[in-house]
Amino acid sequence: MVSKHYVAGYDAFVAFMKDFNGNGGAINILFTGAKLENGQSWCDDCVEAAPFIEKAVESHAPENSHFISVDVGDRPTWKDMNNAFRKDTNTHLSVIPTMIRWKNPQRLEGEQCGNADLLEMFFSEDD
């Protein structure tokens, strides 16, 4: 079973990853906009991609893998070009949603996160 985790904000993300041990399993991270009161992200692209991502995680992510959902903040926080997620060399985000394999080249950005075929390939690729 895929282990799912949730982190909100850059400082919490850095602290979480510093102490996180995937025990050899792939560590897949989705960066998305923070949720509004209605439970959906302010980011329309994130909302559109969410069902495709959820289905791919359930269908294609390896059983011993980890899926970490990270909220990058509200719209003004994300739109700030000095946002720490944009500057961090481990994340180097320019668009959300973005999904990465931690410390590996696998990466999907924007509309790619809503493409079922690309998601299947993302989760099927070995490190």
N, C-alpha and C. Protein backbone atom coordinates (compact mmCIF):
# COMPACT_ATOMS: atom_id res chain seq x y z
N MET A 1 0.83 -1.19 0.00
CA MET A 1 0.00 0.00 0.00
C MET A 1 0.88 1.26 0.00
N VAL A 2 0.51 2.22 -0.79
CA VAL A 2 1.24 3.48 -0.86
C VAL A 2 1.02 4.24 0.45
N SER A 3 2.11 4.74 1.02
CA SER A 3 2.01 5.56 2.23
C SER A 3 1.79 7.00 1.80
N LYS A 4 0.71 7.61 2.29
CA LYS A 4 0.38 8.99 1.91
C LYS A 4 0.68 9.94 3.06
N HIS A 5 1.20 11.10 2.70
CA HIS A 5 1.58 12.12 3.68
C HIS A 5 1.10 13.47 3.17
N TYR A 6 0.91 14.41 4.09
CA TYR A 6 0.48 15.76 3.73
C TYR A 6 1.32 16.77 4.49
N VAL A 7 1.79 17.80 3.77
CA VAL A 7 2.59 18.86 4.37
C VAL A 7 2.10 20.19 3.82
N ALA A 8 2.03 21.21 4.67
CA ALA A 8 1.61 22.54 4.23
C ALA A 8 2.71 23.55 4.50
N GLY A 9 3.18 24.20 3.44
CA GLY A 9 4.15 25.27 3.58
C GLY A 9 5.58 24.81 3.42
N TYR A 10 6.44 25.75 3.05
CA TYR A 10 7.82 25.44 2.76
C TYR A 10 8.60 24.96 3.98
N ASP A 11 8.50 25.69 5.09
CA ASP A 11 9.26 25.31 6.29
C ASP A 11 8.88 23.92 6.77
N ALA A 12 7.58 23.62 6.74
CA ALA A 12 7.12 22.29 7.16
C ALA A 12 7.63 21.23 6.19
N PHE A 13 7.66 21.56 4.90
CA PHE A 13 8.17 20.62 3.89
C PHE A 13 9.64 20.31 4.14
N VAL A 14 10.45 21.34 4.35
CA VAL A 14 11.88 21.13 4.57
C VAL A 14 12.11 20.28 5.83
N ALA A 15 11.38 20.59 6.90
CA ALA A 15 11.52 19.83 8.14
C ALA A 15 11.09 18.38 7.95
N PHE A 16 10.00 18.17 7.23
CA PHE A 16 9.49 16.82 6.98
C PHE A 16 10.51 16.01 6.19
N MET A 17 11.03 16.58 5.11
CA MET A 17 11.95 15.85 4.25
C MET A 17 13.30 15.60 4.93
N LYS A 18 13.71 16.48 5.81
CA LYS A 18 14.99 16.33 6.51
C LYS A 18 15.01 15.04 7.32
N ASP A 19 13.89 14.72 7.95
CA ASP A 19 13.82 13.55 8.82
C ASP A 19 13.14 12.35 8.17
N PHE A 20 12.70 12.50 6.92
CA PHE A 20 11.92 11.44 6.28
C PHE A 20 12.82 10.34 5.75
N ASN A 21 12.41 9.11 6.00
CA ASN A 21 13.11 7.94 5.48
C ASN A 21 12.11 7.10 4.71
N GLY A 22 12.31 7.00 3.41
CA GLY A 22 11.39 6.24 2.58
C GLY A 22 11.59 4.75 2.64
N ASN A 23 12.57 4.29 3.44
CA ASN A 23 12.86 2.86 3.57
C ASN A 23 13.01 2.16 2.22
N GLY A 24 13.66 2.84 1.29
CA GLY A 24 13.94 2.24 0.00
C GLY A 24 12.84 2.41 -1.03
N GLY A 25 11.68 2.88 -0.62
CA GLY A 25 10.58 3.08 -1.57
C GLY A 25 10.70 4.42 -2.28
N ALA A 26 10.12 4.49 -3.46
CA ALA A 26 10.12 5.75 -4.22
C ALA A 26 9.38 6.82 -3.43
N ILE A 27 9.89 8.04 -3.47
CA ILE A 27 9.25 9.16 -2.79
C ILE A 27 8.74 10.11 -3.87
N ASN A 28 7.43 10.10 -4.08
CA ASN A 28 6.78 10.93 -5.08
C ASN A 28 6.11 12.10 -4.38
N ILE A 29 6.32 13.30 -4.91
CA ILE A 29 5.82 14.50 -4.25
C ILE A 29 4.99 15.32 -5.23
N LEU A 30 3.78 15.67 -4.79
CA LEU A 30 2.90 16.55 -5.56
C LEU A 30 2.86 17.91 -4.89
N PHE A 31 3.19 18.94 -5.65
CA PHE A 31 3.10 20.32 -5.15
C PHE A 31 1.84 20.93 -5.74
N THR A 32 1.01 21.47 -4.87
CA THR A 32 -0.30 21.97 -5.27
C THR A 32 -0.66 23.21 -4.47
N GLY A 33 -1.66 23.94 -4.92
CA GLY A 33 -2.12 25.12 -4.21
C GLY A 33 -2.88 24.74 -2.95
N ALA A 34 -2.82 25.60 -1.95
CA ALA A 34 -3.52 25.36 -0.69
C ALA A 34 -5.02 25.23 -0.92
N LYS A 35 -5.66 24.50 -0.04
CA LYS A 35 -7.10 24.27 -0.14
C LYS A 35 -7.88 25.47 0.40
N LEU A 36 -8.99 25.77 -0.26
CA LEU A 36 -9.92 26.79 0.21
C LEU A 36 -10.90 26.15 1.18
N GLU A 37 -11.81 26.95 1.71
CA GLU A 37 -12.80 26.43 2.66
C GLU A 37 -13.66 25.33 2.07
N ASN A 38 -13.85 25.34 0.74
CA ASN A 38 -14.67 24.31 0.10
C ASN A 38 -13.92 22.99 -0.10
N GLY A 39 -12.65 22.95 0.34
CA GLY A 39 -11.88 21.72 0.25
C GLY A 39 -11.10 21.57 -1.05
N GLN A 40 -11.29 22.49 -1.98
CA GLN A 40 -10.57 22.44 -3.25
C GLN A 40 -9.48 23.51 -3.27
N SER A 41 -8.47 23.25 -4.06
CA SER A 41 -7.37 24.20 -4.21
C SER A 41 -7.84 25.45 -4.93
N TRP A 42 -7.20 26.57 -4.64
CA TRP A 42 -7.46 27.81 -5.40
C TRP A 42 -6.93 27.70 -6.83
N CYS A 43 -6.07 26.73 -7.06
CA CYS A 43 -5.42 26.51 -8.37
C CYS A 43 -6.31 25.62 -9.23
N ASP A 44 -6.92 26.21 -10.26
CA ASP A 44 -7.83 25.45 -11.13
C ASP A 44 -7.14 24.27 -11.79
N ASP A 45 -5.88 24.44 -12.23
CA ASP A 45 -5.15 23.34 -12.86
C ASP A 45 -4.95 22.19 -11.87
N CYS A 46 -4.73 22.53 -10.60
CA CYS A 46 -4.56 21.51 -9.57
C CYS A 46 -5.86 20.73 -9.36
N VAL A 47 -6.98 21.45 -9.35
CA VAL A 47 -8.29 20.82 -9.18
C VAL A 47 -8.58 19.88 -10.35
N GLU A 48 -8.26 20.33 -11.58
CA GLU A 48 -8.51 19.50 -12.76
C GLU A 48 -7.64 18.25 -12.76
N ALA A 49 -6.41 18.36 -12.29
CA ALA A 49 -5.49 17.21 -12.32
C ALA A 49 -5.74 16.23 -11.18
N ALA A 50 -6.32 16.68 -10.08
CA ALA A 50 -6.45 15.86 -8.87
C ALA A 50 -7.05 14.48 -9.10
N PRO A 51 -8.18 14.33 -9.80
CA PRO A 51 -8.74 12.98 -9.96
C PRO A 51 -7.83 12.05 -10.77
N PHE A 52 -7.13 12.60 -11.74
CA PHE A 52 -6.21 11.78 -12.55
C PHE A 52 -5.03 11.31 -11.69
N ILE A 53 -4.53 12.22 -10.86
CA ILE A 53 -3.41 11.88 -9.98
C ILE A 53 -3.83 10.84 -8.96
N GLU A 54 -4.98 11.03 -8.34
CA GLU A 54 -5.46 10.08 -7.33
C GLU A 54 -5.63 8.69 -7.93
N LYS A 55 -6.21 8.62 -9.13
CA LYS A 55 -6.40 7.33 -9.79
C LYS A 55 -5.06 6.67 -10.10
N ALA A 56 -4.09 7.47 -10.59
CA ALA A 56 -2.77 6.93 -10.94
C ALA A 56 -2.04 6.43 -9.71
N VAL A 57 -2.16 7.14 -8.60
CA VAL A 57 -1.51 6.70 -7.35
C VAL A 57 -2.09 5.35 -6.94
N GLU A 58 -3.40 5.23 -6.99
CA GLU A 58 -4.05 3.98 -6.58
C GLU A 58 -3.73 2.83 -7.54
N SER A 59 -3.64 3.12 -8.84
CA SER A 59 -3.48 2.07 -9.85
C SER A 59 -2.03 1.73 -10.20
N HIS A 60 -1.13 2.72 -10.12
CA HIS A 60 0.20 2.51 -10.69
C HIS A 60 1.37 2.73 -9.75
N ALA A 61 1.16 3.42 -8.63
CA ALA A 61 2.29 3.66 -7.72
C ALA A 61 2.68 2.35 -7.04
N PRO A 62 3.98 2.07 -6.96
CA PRO A 62 4.44 0.84 -6.30
C PRO A 62 3.97 0.79 -4.84
N GLU A 63 3.72 -0.42 -4.37
CA GLU A 63 3.16 -0.61 -3.03
C GLU A 63 4.03 -0.04 -1.92
N ASN A 64 5.33 -0.09 -2.07
CA ASN A 64 6.21 0.37 -0.99
C ASN A 64 6.61 1.84 -1.17
N SER A 65 5.93 2.55 -2.06
CA SER A 65 6.28 3.94 -2.34
C SER A 65 5.56 4.90 -1.40
N HIS A 66 5.97 6.15 -1.48
CA HIS A 66 5.38 7.21 -0.67
C HIS A 66 4.85 8.30 -1.60
N PHE A 67 3.70 8.86 -1.22
CA PHE A 67 3.10 9.96 -1.97
C PHE A 67 2.89 11.10 -0.99
N ILE A 68 3.61 12.18 -1.22
CA ILE A 68 3.56 13.33 -0.32
C ILE A 68 2.89 14.48 -1.06
N SER A 69 1.79 14.96 -0.52
CA SER A 69 1.09 16.11 -1.08
C SER A 69 1.53 17.35 -0.31
N VAL A 70 2.03 18.34 -1.03
CA VAL A 70 2.57 19.54 -0.40
C VAL A 70 1.81 20.77 -0.90
N ASP A 71 1.20 21.50 0.03
CA ASP A 71 0.56 22.77 -0.31
C ASP A 71 1.62 23.85 -0.35
N VAL A 72 1.71 24.56 -1.48
CA VAL A 72 2.72 25.61 -1.62
C VAL A 72 2.25 26.95 -1.06
N GLY A 73 1.00 27.01 -0.63
CA GLY A 73 0.48 28.24 -0.05
C GLY A 73 -0.71 28.78 -0.83
N ASP A 74 -1.18 29.94 -0.37
CA ASP A 74 -2.30 30.58 -1.05
C ASP A 74 -1.80 31.24 -2.34
N ARG A 75 -2.71 31.78 -3.11
CA ARG A 75 -2.34 32.34 -4.42
C ARG A 75 -1.27 33.44 -4.31
N PRO A 76 -1.43 34.45 -3.42
CA PRO A 76 -0.39 35.50 -3.34
C PRO A 76 0.97 34.94 -2.93
N THR A 77 0.99 33.96 -2.04
CA THR A 77 2.26 33.35 -1.62
C THR A 77 2.92 32.67 -2.81
N TRP A 78 2.14 31.89 -3.56
CA TRP A 78 2.70 31.17 -4.71
C TRP A 78 3.16 32.13 -5.80
N LYS A 79 2.39 33.18 -6.07
CA LYS A 79 2.70 34.10 -7.17
C LYS A 79 3.94 34.95 -6.89
N ASP A 80 4.39 35.01 -5.65
CA ASP A 80 5.60 35.75 -5.31
C ASP A 80 6.80 35.05 -5.96
N MET A 81 7.50 35.75 -6.82
CA MET A 81 8.62 35.14 -7.54
C MET A 81 9.77 34.75 -6.61
N ASN A 82 9.74 35.23 -5.38
CA ASN A 82 10.75 34.85 -4.39
C ASN A 82 10.27 33.71 -3.49
N ASN A 83 9.16 33.09 -3.86
CA ASN A 83 8.64 31.95 -3.11
C ASN A 83 9.74 30.90 -2.97
N ALA A 84 9.93 30.41 -1.76
CA ALA A 84 11.02 29.47 -1.48
C ALA A 84 10.94 28.20 -2.32
N PHE A 85 9.74 27.73 -2.64
CA PHE A 85 9.61 26.55 -3.49
C PHE A 85 10.19 26.80 -4.88
N ARG A 86 10.11 28.04 -5.34
CA ARG A 86 10.66 28.39 -6.66
C ARG A 86 12.19 28.43 -6.63
N LYS A 87 12.76 28.82 -5.50
CA LYS A 87 14.20 29.03 -5.37
C LYS A 87 14.97 27.78 -4.94
N ASP A 88 14.32 26.88 -4.26
CA ASP A 88 14.98 25.68 -3.73
C ASP A 88 15.43 24.79 -4.89
N THR A 89 16.71 24.44 -4.90
CA THR A 89 17.24 23.61 -5.99
C THR A 89 16.68 22.19 -5.98
N ASN A 90 16.13 21.75 -4.86
CA ASN A 90 15.52 20.41 -4.80
C ASN A 90 14.12 20.39 -5.41
N THR A 91 13.46 21.54 -5.44
CA THR A 91 12.09 21.59 -5.96
C THR A 91 12.02 22.39 -7.26
N HIS A 92 12.64 23.53 -7.29
CA HIS A 92 12.72 24.42 -8.45
C HIS A 92 11.39 24.49 -9.20
N LEU A 93 10.34 24.88 -8.50
CA LEU A 93 9.01 24.94 -9.11
C LEU A 93 8.82 26.20 -9.93
N SER A 94 8.14 26.06 -11.05
CA SER A 94 7.76 27.22 -11.84
C SER A 94 6.26 27.21 -12.13
N VAL A 95 5.63 26.06 -11.90
CA VAL A 95 4.21 25.91 -12.17
C VAL A 95 3.65 24.87 -11.20
N ILE A 96 2.36 25.03 -10.85
CA ILE A 96 1.68 23.98 -10.11
C ILE A 96 0.45 23.59 -10.90
N PRO A 97 0.04 22.35 -10.83
CA PRO A 97 0.67 21.29 -10.06
C PRO A 97 2.00 20.84 -10.69
N THR A 98 2.88 20.37 -9.84
CA THR A 98 4.11 19.71 -10.27
C THR A 98 4.28 18.46 -9.43
N MET A 99 4.66 17.38 -10.08
CA MET A 99 4.94 16.14 -9.36
C MET A 99 6.36 15.72 -9.68
N ILE A 100 7.11 15.39 -8.63
CA ILE A 100 8.50 14.97 -8.81
C ILE A 100 8.74 13.66 -8.06
N ARG A 101 9.76 12.96 -8.51
CA ARG A 101 10.31 11.84 -7.75
C ARG A 101 11.51 12.43 -7.03
N TRP A 102 11.49 12.41 -5.72
CA TRP A 102 12.52 13.05 -4.89
C TRP A 102 13.91 12.54 -5.24
N LYS A 103 14.80 13.49 -5.52
CA LYS A 103 16.21 13.22 -5.82
C LYS A 103 16.39 12.37 -7.09
N ASN A 104 15.41 12.45 -8.00
CA ASN A 104 15.46 11.73 -9.27
C ASN A 104 14.92 12.63 -10.37
N PRO A 105 15.14 12.27 -11.64
CA PRO A 105 14.75 13.17 -12.73
C PRO A 105 13.26 13.16 -13.08
N GLN A 106 12.51 12.17 -12.62
CA GLN A 106 11.10 12.10 -13.00
C GLN A 106 10.37 13.37 -12.54
N ARG A 107 9.61 13.96 -13.50
CA ARG A 107 8.93 15.22 -13.20
C ARG A 107 7.79 15.42 -14.19
N LEU A 108 6.63 15.81 -13.67
CA LEU A 108 5.49 16.23 -14.49
C LEU A 108 5.08 17.61 -14.02
N GLU A 109 4.75 18.49 -14.98
CA GLU A 109 4.40 19.86 -14.63
C GLU A 109 3.10 20.27 -15.31
N GLY A 110 2.30 21.08 -14.60
CA GLY A 110 1.10 21.68 -15.18
C GLY A 110 0.15 20.66 -15.76
N GLU A 111 -0.21 20.85 -17.03
CA GLU A 111 -1.18 19.99 -17.69
C GLU A 111 -0.74 18.53 -17.76
N GLN A 112 0.56 18.28 -17.72
CA GLN A 112 1.05 16.90 -17.75
C GLN A 112 0.49 16.10 -16.57
N CYS A 113 0.21 16.76 -15.46
CA CYS A 113 -0.30 16.08 -14.27
C CYS A 113 -1.73 15.59 -14.45
N GLY A 114 -2.40 16.02 -15.49
CA GLY A 114 -3.75 15.56 -15.79
C GLY A 114 -3.79 14.57 -16.94
N ASN A 115 -2.63 14.07 -17.36
CA ASN A 115 -2.54 13.14 -18.47
C ASN A 115 -2.33 11.73 -17.92
N ALA A 116 -3.35 10.89 -18.06
CA ALA A 116 -3.31 9.54 -17.48
C ALA A 116 -2.13 8.72 -17.98
N ASP A 117 -1.79 8.84 -19.26
CA ASP A 117 -0.68 8.06 -19.80
C ASP A 117 0.66 8.51 -19.21
N LEU A 118 0.85 9.82 -19.10
CA LEU A 118 2.09 10.33 -18.52
C LEU A 118 2.19 9.95 -17.03
N LEU A 119 1.07 9.98 -16.34
CA LEU A 119 1.07 9.59 -14.93
C LEU A 119 1.43 8.12 -14.77
N GLU A 120 0.88 7.29 -15.63
CA GLU A 120 1.22 5.86 -15.56
C GLU A 120 2.71 5.66 -15.79
N MET A 121 3.28 6.35 -16.78
CA MET A 121 4.72 6.24 -17.04
C MET A 121 5.52 6.78 -15.85
N PHE A 122 5.07 7.88 -15.27
CA PHE A 122 5.77 8.47 -14.13
C PHE A 122 5.92 7.45 -13.00
N PHE A 123 4.82 6.79 -12.65
CA PHE A 123 4.85 5.84 -11.55
C PHE A 123 5.49 4.51 -11.93
N SER A 124 5.57 4.20 -13.22
CA SER A 124 6.15 2.93 -13.66
C SER A 124 7.65 2.98 -13.82
N GLU A 125 8.20 4.18 -14.01
CA GLU A 125 9.64 4.31 -14.23
C GLU A 125 10.42 4.01 -12.96
N ASP A 126 11.50 3.24 -13.14
CA ASP A 126 12.40 2.97 -12.02
C ASP A 126 13.33 4.16 -11.85
N ASP A 127 13.86 4.28 -10.65
CA ASP A 127 14.82 5.36 -10.38
C ASP A 127 16.11 5.13 -11.12
